[in-house]
Every structure is written in C-alpha cells, then in structure tokens.
C-alpha cells in the first residue's frame, strides 16, 4: 500500500485558467437569496484578488441573476489595474477602493489568467 505524506503535497495550490465558458459557469453557479447573489472573492495564484458581481443590482449586462453576461461589476482590487480605470464609477483617492461597472467579461478572464489563474 502506498502512503502519501503531507510533505508530498504539491507546492502550488490548485488553480484554474479561465475561459469565457468557465467564467460564465462561475457567475451562474451560485445560489441566489431572493433577488440577490453574492459571488466569492476571486484569488489568483500570484495573490492578486478582487470581487466580481453580476445580478439585478450590479453594473452588469444583462442586469439579471442569470447570464450569460457580457459585462460584470468589479471591486475590491488588491492592487491597481490600469485596464480597469476607464470603467471606474467615481475616482476615489485609491483605485483599489473603486467600483468598476460594465467591465467586459473578456477583460476579467484576461486579468485572471494574467495573474496565474483562479485558485480553486
């Protein structure tokens, strides 16, 4: 019988490189509480993290609980991302505190993959 010690665990956490299809499944795969859903924070392999939301109450298209989505709302960036600045609602002192509405899903997928993929 083969025994695997904890020291034999992989050095890197399990990650997932996003495609448009897998990202749509992520957006649609969460239970809704009445008319609102909250998606878990996305944490990438290199430590970059952010929040993505898409529902009736967020800056996304369509504004619906169910996609497929063309755009989503992004917030809570762990560091500034220049490509998102045109989507910022109002310019706070610190772009990591901004809300970015109607960000194309392709941009979010590229951002996740640029940072090494989404940790699962």
C-alpha atoms as a PDB file:
ATOM      1  CA  UNK A   1       0.000   0.000   0.000  1.00  0.00           C
ATOM      2  CA  UNK A   2       1.328   3.437  -0.949  1.00  0.00           C
ATOM      3  CA  UNK A   3       1.189   6.126   1.728  1.00  0.00           C
ATOM      4  CA  UNK A   4       1.411   9.782   0.783  1.00  0.00           C
ATOM      5  CA  UNK A   5       2.900  12.065   3.406  1.00  0.00           C
ATOM      6  CA  UNK A   6       1.686  15.643   3.718  1.00  0.00           C
ATOM      7  CA  UNK A   7       5.191  16.766   2.717  1.00  0.00           C
ATOM      8  CA  UNK A   8       4.499  15.168  -0.675  1.00  0.00           C
ATOM      9  CA  UNK A   9       1.694  17.660  -1.327  1.00  0.00           C
ATOM     10  CA  UNK A  10       2.048  19.839  -4.419  1.00  0.00           C
ATOM     11  CA  UNK A  11       3.998  23.061  -3.968  1.00  0.00           C
ATOM     12  CA  UNK A  12       1.351  25.124  -5.734  1.00  0.00           C
ATOM     13  CA  UNK A  13      -2.357  25.321  -4.897  1.00  0.00           C
ATOM     14  CA  UNK A  14      -4.860  24.041  -7.414  1.00  0.00           C
ATOM     15  CA  UNK A  15      -5.575  26.780  -9.939  1.00  0.00           C
ATOM     16  CA  UNK A  16      -7.788  27.147 -12.944  1.00  0.00           C
ATOM     17  CA  UNK A  17      -7.066  29.150 -16.080  1.00  0.00           C
ATOM     18  CA  UNK A  18     -10.311  30.781 -17.129  1.00  0.00           C
ATOM     19  CA  UNK A  19     -12.127  30.545 -20.417  1.00  0.00           C
ATOM     20  CA  UNK A  20     -15.246  32.531 -21.242  1.00  0.00           C
ATOM     21  CA  UNK A  21     -17.309  29.378 -20.681  1.00  0.00           C
ATOM     22  CA  UNK A  22     -15.803  28.533 -17.296  1.00  0.00           C
ATOM     23  CA  UNK A  23     -16.178  32.140 -16.147  1.00  0.00           C
ATOM     24  CA  UNK A  24     -19.865  32.154 -17.155  1.00  0.00           C
ATOM     25  CA  UNK A  25     -20.341  28.946 -15.131  1.00  0.00           C
ATOM     26  CA  UNK A  26     -18.654  30.645 -12.157  1.00  0.00           C
ATOM     27  CA  UNK A  27     -21.011  33.631 -12.470  1.00  0.00           C
ATOM     28  CA  UNK A  28     -24.135  31.474 -12.768  1.00  0.00           C
ATOM     29  CA  UNK A  29     -23.154  28.747 -10.331  1.00  0.00           C
ATOM     30  CA  UNK A  30     -24.058  30.422  -7.043  1.00  0.00           C
ATOM     31  CA  UNK A  31     -27.292  30.189  -5.117  1.00  0.00           C
ATOM     32  CA  UNK A  32     -29.454  33.261  -5.034  1.00  0.00           C
ATOM     33  CA  UNK A  33     -31.097  34.625  -1.918  1.00  0.00           C
ATOM     34  CA  UNK A  34     -34.317  36.197  -3.155  1.00  0.00           C
ATOM     35  CA  UNK A  35     -33.140  38.638  -5.815  1.00  0.00           C
ATOM     36  CA  UNK A  36     -29.508  38.949  -4.838  1.00  0.00           C
ATOM     37  CA  UNK A  37     -26.488  36.712  -5.219  1.00  0.00           C
ATOM     38  CA  UNK A  38     -23.011  37.267  -3.866  1.00  0.00           C
ATOM     39  CA  UNK A  39     -20.073  35.625  -5.592  1.00  0.00           C
ATOM     40  CA  UNK A  40     -16.958  34.638  -3.650  1.00  0.00           C
ATOM     41  CA  UNK A  41     -13.824  36.761  -3.948  1.00  0.00           C
ATOM     42  CA  UNK A  42     -11.521  35.711  -6.779  1.00  0.00           C
ATOM     43  CA  UNK A  43      -7.987  34.977  -5.597  1.00  0.00           C
ATOM     44  CA  UNK A  44      -5.319  34.408  -8.226  1.00  0.00           C
ATOM     45  CA  UNK A  45      -2.167  32.303  -7.997  1.00  0.00           C
ATOM     46  CA  UNK A  46       0.120  35.322  -7.570  1.00  0.00           C
ATOM     47  CA  UNK A  47      -2.001  36.705  -4.698  1.00  0.00           C
ATOM     48  CA  UNK A  48      -3.937  39.292  -6.701  1.00  0.00           C
ATOM     49  CA  UNK A  49      -7.598  39.307  -5.666  1.00  0.00           C
ATOM     50  CA  UNK A  50     -10.826  41.116  -6.434  1.00  0.00           C
ATOM     51  CA  UNK A  51     -14.593  40.859  -6.279  1.00  0.00           C
ATOM     52  CA  UNK A  52     -16.827  40.257  -9.297  1.00  0.00           C
ATOM     53  CA  UNK A  53     -20.595  40.611  -9.061  1.00  0.00           C
ATOM     54  CA  UNK A  54     -23.433  40.202 -11.546  1.00  0.00           C
ATOM     55  CA  UNK A  55     -27.125  40.456 -10.628  1.00  0.00           C
ATOM     56  CA  UNK A  56     -30.182  42.696 -10.799  1.00  0.00           C
ATOM     57  CA  UNK A  57     -28.424  45.255  -8.602  1.00  0.00           C
ATOM     58  CA  UNK A  58     -24.951  45.426 -10.134  1.00  0.00           C
ATOM     59  CA  UNK A  59     -23.391  47.275 -13.056  1.00  0.00           C
ATOM     60  CA  UNK A  60     -23.512  44.366 -15.465  1.00  0.00           C
ATOM     61  CA  UNK A  61     -25.272  43.373 -18.646  1.00  0.00           C
ATOM     62  CA  UNK A  62     -27.741  41.847 -18.546  1.00  0.00           C
ATOM     63  CA  UNK A  63     -28.856  43.059 -15.128  1.00  0.00           C
ATOM     64  CA  UNK A  64     -30.192  39.669 -14.184  1.00  0.00           C
ATOM     65  CA  UNK A  65     -29.495  36.824 -11.784  1.00  0.00           C
ATOM     66  CA  UNK A  66     -28.759  34.530 -14.723  1.00  0.00           C
ATOM     67  CA  UNK A  67     -26.332  35.115 -17.600  1.00  0.00           C
ATOM     68  CA  UNK A  68     -24.652  34.672 -19.918  1.00  0.00           C
ATOM     69  CA  UNK A  69     -23.152  38.041 -19.046  1.00  0.00           C
ATOM     70  CA  UNK A  70     -21.440  40.407 -21.445  1.00  0.00           C
ATOM     71  CA  UNK A  71     -20.209  42.717 -18.673  1.00  0.00           C
ATOM     72  CA  UNK A  72     -19.808  42.484 -14.878  1.00  0.00           C
ATOM     73  CA  UNK A  73     -19.084  44.732 -11.897  1.00  0.00           C
ATOM     74  CA  UNK A  74     -15.602  44.579 -10.347  1.00  0.00           C
ATOM     75  CA  UNK A  75     -14.498  45.991  -6.973  1.00  0.00           C
ATOM     76  CA  UNK A  76     -12.113  45.413  -4.086  1.00  0.00           C
ATOM     77  CA  UNK A  77      -8.923  45.205  -6.126  1.00  0.00           C
ATOM     78  CA  UNK A  78      -5.866  44.158  -4.149  1.00  0.00           C
ATOM     79  CA  UNK A  79      -3.787  46.397  -6.439  1.00  0.00           C
ATOM     80  CA  UNK A  80      -4.432  48.998  -9.126  1.00  0.00           C
ATOM     81  CA  UNK A  81      -5.203  47.690 -12.623  1.00  0.00           C
ATOM     82  CA  UNK A  82      -4.794  50.274 -15.390  1.00  0.00           C
ATOM     83  CA  UNK A  83      -7.008  48.437 -17.877  1.00  0.00           C
ATOM     84  CA  UNK A  84      -9.980  48.813 -15.490  1.00  0.00           C
ATOM     85  CA  UNK A  85      -9.633  52.578 -14.895  1.00  0.00           C
ATOM     86  CA  UNK A  86     -11.987  53.575 -17.772  1.00  0.00           C
ATOM     87  CA  UNK A  87     -14.775  51.582 -16.065  1.00  0.00           C
ATOM     88  CA  UNK A  88     -14.439  53.268 -12.645  1.00  0.00           C
ATOM     89  CA  UNK A  89     -17.707  54.847 -11.463  1.00  0.00           C
ATOM     90  CA  UNK A  90     -16.116  57.677  -9.487  1.00  0.00           C
ATOM     91  CA  UNK A  91     -12.444  58.273  -8.974  1.00  0.00           C
ATOM     92  CA  UNK A  92     -11.550  57.761  -5.317  1.00  0.00           C
ATOM     93  CA  UNK A  93      -8.117  58.630  -3.980  1.00  0.00           C
ATOM     94  CA  UNK A  94      -7.130  54.956  -4.186  1.00  0.00           C
ATOM     95  CA  UNK A  95      -8.219  52.956  -7.279  1.00  0.00           C
ATOM     96  CA  UNK A  96      -8.252  49.779  -5.168  1.00  0.00           C
ATOM     97  CA  UNK A  97     -11.321  51.226  -3.431  1.00  0.00           C
ATOM     98  CA  UNK A  98     -13.155  51.954  -6.683  1.00  0.00           C
ATOM     99  CA  UNK A  99     -16.158  50.267  -8.238  1.00  0.00           C
ATOM    100  CA  UNK A 100     -15.791  49.341 -11.887  1.00  0.00           C
ATOM    101  CA  UNK A 101     -19.090  48.873 -13.711  1.00  0.00           C
ATOM    102  CA  UNK A 102     -19.821  47.180 -17.037  1.00  0.00           C
ATOM    103  CA  UNK A 103     -16.386  45.572 -17.386  1.00  0.00           C
ATOM    104  CA  UNK A 104     -16.361  43.148 -20.356  1.00  0.00           C
ATOM    105  CA  UNK A 105     -16.116  39.528 -19.220  1.00  0.00           C
ATOM    106  CA  UNK A 106     -13.238  39.023 -21.670  1.00  0.00           C
ATOM    107  CA  UNK A 107     -11.262  41.664 -19.761  1.00  0.00           C
ATOM    108  CA  UNK A 108     -11.900  39.877 -16.453  1.00  0.00           C
ATOM    109  CA  UNK A 109     -10.910  36.491 -17.907  1.00  0.00           C
ATOM    110  CA  UNK A 110      -7.682  38.012 -19.274  1.00  0.00           C
ATOM    111  CA  UNK A 111      -6.988  39.628 -15.887  1.00  0.00           C
ATOM    112  CA  UNK A 112      -7.431  36.313 -14.043  1.00  0.00           C
ATOM    113  CA  UNK A 113      -5.176  34.452 -16.459  1.00  0.00           C
ATOM    114  CA  UNK A 114      -2.544  37.221 -16.393  1.00  0.00           C
ATOM    115  CA  UNK A 115      -2.268  36.666 -12.642  1.00  0.00           C
ATOM    116  CA  UNK A 116      -1.756  32.907 -12.977  1.00  0.00           C
ATOM    117  CA  UNK A 117      -5.351  31.677 -12.928  1.00  0.00           C
ATOM    118  CA  UNK A 118      -8.058  31.483 -10.281  1.00  0.00           C
ATOM    119  CA  UNK A 119      -7.290  29.483  -7.146  1.00  0.00           C
ATOM    120  CA  UNK A 120      -9.901  26.805  -6.558  1.00  0.00           C
END
